[in-house]
C-alpha atoms as a PDB file:
ATOM      1  CA  VAL A   1     -17.982   0.140 -63.217  1.00  0.00           C
ATOM      2  CA  ARG A   2     -21.387  -1.285 -62.361  1.00  0.00           C
ATOM      3  CA  PHE A   3     -22.452  -1.014 -58.733  1.00  0.00           C
ATOM      4  CA  VAL A   4     -25.325  -1.388 -56.299  1.00  0.00           C
ATOM      5  CA  ARG A   5     -26.172   1.012 -53.474  1.00  0.00           C
ATOM      6  CA  ILE A   6     -27.588   0.625 -49.976  1.00  0.00           C
ATOM      7  CA  ASP A   7     -28.423   3.585 -47.780  1.00  0.00           C
ATOM      8  CA  GLY A   8     -31.205   4.656 -45.442  1.00  0.00           C
ATOM      9  CA  LYS A   9     -33.529   5.410 -48.361  1.00  0.00           C
ATOM     10  CA  VAL A  10     -33.347   1.882 -49.799  1.00  0.00           C
ATOM     11  CA  ALA A  11     -36.169  -0.438 -48.698  1.00  0.00           C
ATOM     12  CA  ALA A  12     -35.312  -3.777 -47.055  1.00  0.00           C
ATOM     13  CA  LYS A  13     -36.417  -5.807 -50.093  1.00  0.00           C
ATOM     14  CA  LYS A  14     -34.204  -3.713 -52.397  1.00  0.00           C
ATOM     15  CA  ARG A  15     -31.283  -4.157 -49.989  1.00  0.00           C
ATOM     16  CA  GLU A  16     -31.634  -7.934 -50.242  1.00  0.00           C
ATOM     17  CA  GLU A  17     -31.741  -7.671 -54.039  1.00  0.00           C
ATOM     18  CA  ALA A  18     -28.583  -5.527 -54.028  1.00  0.00           C
ATOM     19  CA  ILE A  19     -26.700  -8.099 -51.936  1.00  0.00           C
ATOM     20  CA  LYS A  20     -27.847 -10.928 -54.230  1.00  0.00           C
ATOM     21  CA  GLN A  21     -26.671  -8.952 -57.248  1.00  0.00           C
ATOM     22  CA  LEU A  22     -23.280  -8.385 -55.637  1.00  0.00           C
ATOM     23  CA  HIS A  23     -22.859 -12.108 -54.966  1.00  0.00           C
ATOM     24  CA  ASN A  24     -24.299 -13.410 -58.246  1.00  0.00           C
ATOM     25  CA  ASP A  25     -23.642 -10.863 -61.004  1.00  0.00           C
ATOM     26  CA  PRO A  26     -19.973 -10.833 -62.054  1.00  0.00           C
ATOM     27  CA  ASP A  27     -20.467  -7.402 -63.644  1.00  0.00           C
ATOM     28  CA  ILE A  28     -21.328  -5.845 -60.259  1.00  0.00           C
ATOM     29  CA  ARG A  29     -17.943  -4.978 -58.815  1.00  0.00           C
ATOM     30  CA  VAL A  30     -18.842  -2.343 -56.221  1.00  0.00           C
ATOM     31  CA  ILE A  31     -21.399  -1.884 -53.478  1.00  0.00           C
ATOM     32  CA  LEU A  32     -21.840   1.560 -51.937  1.00  0.00           C
ATOM     33  CA  ILE A  33     -23.135   1.411 -48.368  1.00  0.00           C
ATOM     34  CA  THR A  34     -23.509   4.051 -45.713  1.00  0.00           C
ATOM     35  CA  ILE A  35     -21.890   2.872 -42.506  1.00  0.00           C
ATOM     36  CA  SER A  36     -25.175   3.157 -40.616  1.00  0.00           C
ATOM     37  CA  CYS A  37     -26.669   0.561 -42.979  1.00  0.00           C
ATOM     38  CA  GLY A  38     -23.532  -1.508 -43.472  1.00  0.00           C
ATOM     39  CA  ALA A  39     -22.506  -2.053 -39.880  1.00  0.00           C
ATOM     40  CA  VAL A  40     -25.087  -4.702 -39.024  1.00  0.00           C
ATOM     41  CA  GLY A  41     -26.820  -7.683 -40.544  1.00  0.00           C
ATOM     42  CA  LEU A  42     -25.114  -7.922 -43.939  1.00  0.00           C
ATOM     43  CA  ASP A  43     -23.078 -10.791 -45.356  1.00  0.00           C
ATOM     44  CA  LEU A  44     -20.486  -9.292 -47.674  1.00  0.00           C
ATOM     45  CA  THR A  45     -18.063 -12.218 -47.800  1.00  0.00           C
ATOM     46  CA  GLY A  46     -17.726 -11.613 -51.541  1.00  0.00           C
ATOM     47  CA  ALA A  47     -15.946  -8.335 -50.825  1.00  0.00           C
ATOM     48  CA  LEU A  48     -12.192  -8.159 -51.318  1.00  0.00           C
ATOM     49  CA  CYS A  49     -11.712  -4.448 -50.550  1.00  0.00           C
ATOM     50  CA  VAL A  50     -13.454  -2.198 -48.066  1.00  0.00           C
ATOM     51  CA  HIS A  51     -13.088   1.573 -48.362  1.00  0.00           C
ATOM     52  CA  LEU A  52     -14.191   3.539 -45.292  1.00  0.00           C
ATOM     53  CA  LEU A  53     -15.078   7.022 -46.499  1.00  0.00           C
ATOM     54  CA  GLU A  54     -16.967   8.371 -43.508  1.00  0.00           C
ATOM     55  CA  PRO A  55     -14.929   8.250 -40.276  1.00  0.00           C
ATOM     56  CA  GLN A  56     -16.935   7.394 -37.173  1.00  0.00           C
ATOM     57  CA  TRP A  57     -16.379   8.671 -33.654  1.00  0.00           C
ATOM     58  CA  ASN A  58     -17.195   5.222 -32.353  1.00  0.00           C
ATOM     59  CA  PRO A  59     -14.489   2.810 -33.610  1.00  0.00           C
ATOM     60  CA  SER A  60     -16.692  -0.200 -32.865  1.00  0.00           C
ATOM     61  CA  LEU A  61     -19.099   0.972 -35.588  1.00  0.00           C
ATOM     62  CA  GLU A  62     -16.263   0.843 -38.119  1.00  0.00           C
ATOM     63  CA  ASP A  63     -15.192  -2.550 -36.754  1.00  0.00           C
ATOM     64  CA  ARG A  64     -18.710  -3.922 -37.205  1.00  0.00           C
ATOM     65  CA  ALA A  65     -18.860  -2.568 -40.751  1.00  0.00           C
ATOM     66  CA  LEU A  66     -15.537  -4.238 -41.574  1.00  0.00           C
ATOM     67  CA  ALA A  67     -16.783  -7.468 -40.011  1.00  0.00           C
ATOM     68  CA  ARG A  68     -19.397  -7.722 -42.783  1.00  0.00           C
ATOM     69  CA  ALA A  69     -16.557  -8.710 -45.138  1.00  0.00           C
ATOM     70  CA  HIS A  70     -14.284 -10.413 -42.556  1.00  0.00           C
ATOM     71  CA  ARG A  71     -16.611 -13.192 -41.501  1.00  0.00           C
ATOM     72  CA  LEU A  72     -17.000 -16.946 -41.570  1.00  0.00           C
ATOM     73  CA  GLY A  73     -17.072 -18.051 -45.189  1.00  0.00           C
ATOM     74  CA  GLN A  74     -14.611 -15.435 -46.433  1.00  0.00           C
ATOM     75  CA  THR A  75     -11.962 -17.309 -48.409  1.00  0.00           C
ATOM     76  CA  GLN A  76      -9.830 -14.364 -49.549  1.00  0.00           C
ATOM     77  CA  PRO A  77      -7.843 -11.684 -47.754  1.00  0.00           C
ATOM     78  CA  VAL A  78      -9.775  -8.426 -47.395  1.00  0.00           C
ATOM     79  CA  ILE A  79      -7.926  -5.142 -47.836  1.00  0.00           C
ATOM     80  CA  THR A  80      -9.191  -2.145 -45.879  1.00  0.00           C
ATOM     81  CA  PHE A  81      -8.653   1.468 -46.894  1.00  0.00           C
ATOM     82  CA  ARG A  82      -9.453   4.349 -44.555  1.00  0.00           C
ATOM     83  CA  TYR A  83      -9.601   7.817 -46.053  1.00  0.00           C
ATOM     84  CA  VAL A  84      -8.720  10.597 -43.646  1.00  0.00           C
ATOM     85  CA  MET A  85      -8.508  14.233 -44.694  1.00  0.00           C
ATOM     86  CA  LYS A  86      -5.324  16.053 -43.781  1.00  0.00           C
ATOM     87  CA  ASP A  87      -5.501  18.773 -41.106  1.00  0.00           C
ATOM     88  CA  THR A  88      -8.882  17.660 -39.768  1.00  0.00           C
ATOM     89  CA  ILE A  89     -10.076  16.398 -36.408  1.00  0.00           C
ATOM     90  CA  GLU A  90     -10.426  12.969 -38.056  1.00  0.00           C
ATOM     91  CA  GLU A  91      -6.678  12.981 -38.730  1.00  0.00           C
ATOM     92  CA  VAL A  92      -5.969  13.680 -35.055  1.00  0.00           C
ATOM     93  CA  ARG A  93      -8.410  10.966 -33.965  1.00  0.00           C
ATOM     94  CA  HIS A  94      -6.938   8.478 -36.443  1.00  0.00           C
ATOM     95  CA  CYS A  95      -3.453   8.973 -34.965  1.00  0.00           C
ATOM     96  CA  PHE A  96      -4.739   7.828 -31.559  1.00  0.00           C
ATOM     97  CA  ILE A  97      -6.474   4.667 -32.742  1.00  0.00           C
END
């Protein structure tokens, strides 16, 4: 599976290129983004699935990250997956949200 990546080490210009690739290259099926980079300022309306792999203590940060795919212009349903490890503090927190 071909993918692009955005994290804190990726320069702004490269981030823009990664987003363009995601939207324009049918072979790019996955974008890997750290939540700190993916929570603000990105248009990911081409996304159909969002997998949250790093639970956040602040639920609004996760909500903002999900909003990158659930925004004006999205024409498809977006499926969200949250991965929570069993017997961890994240599991306890997840039960209360």
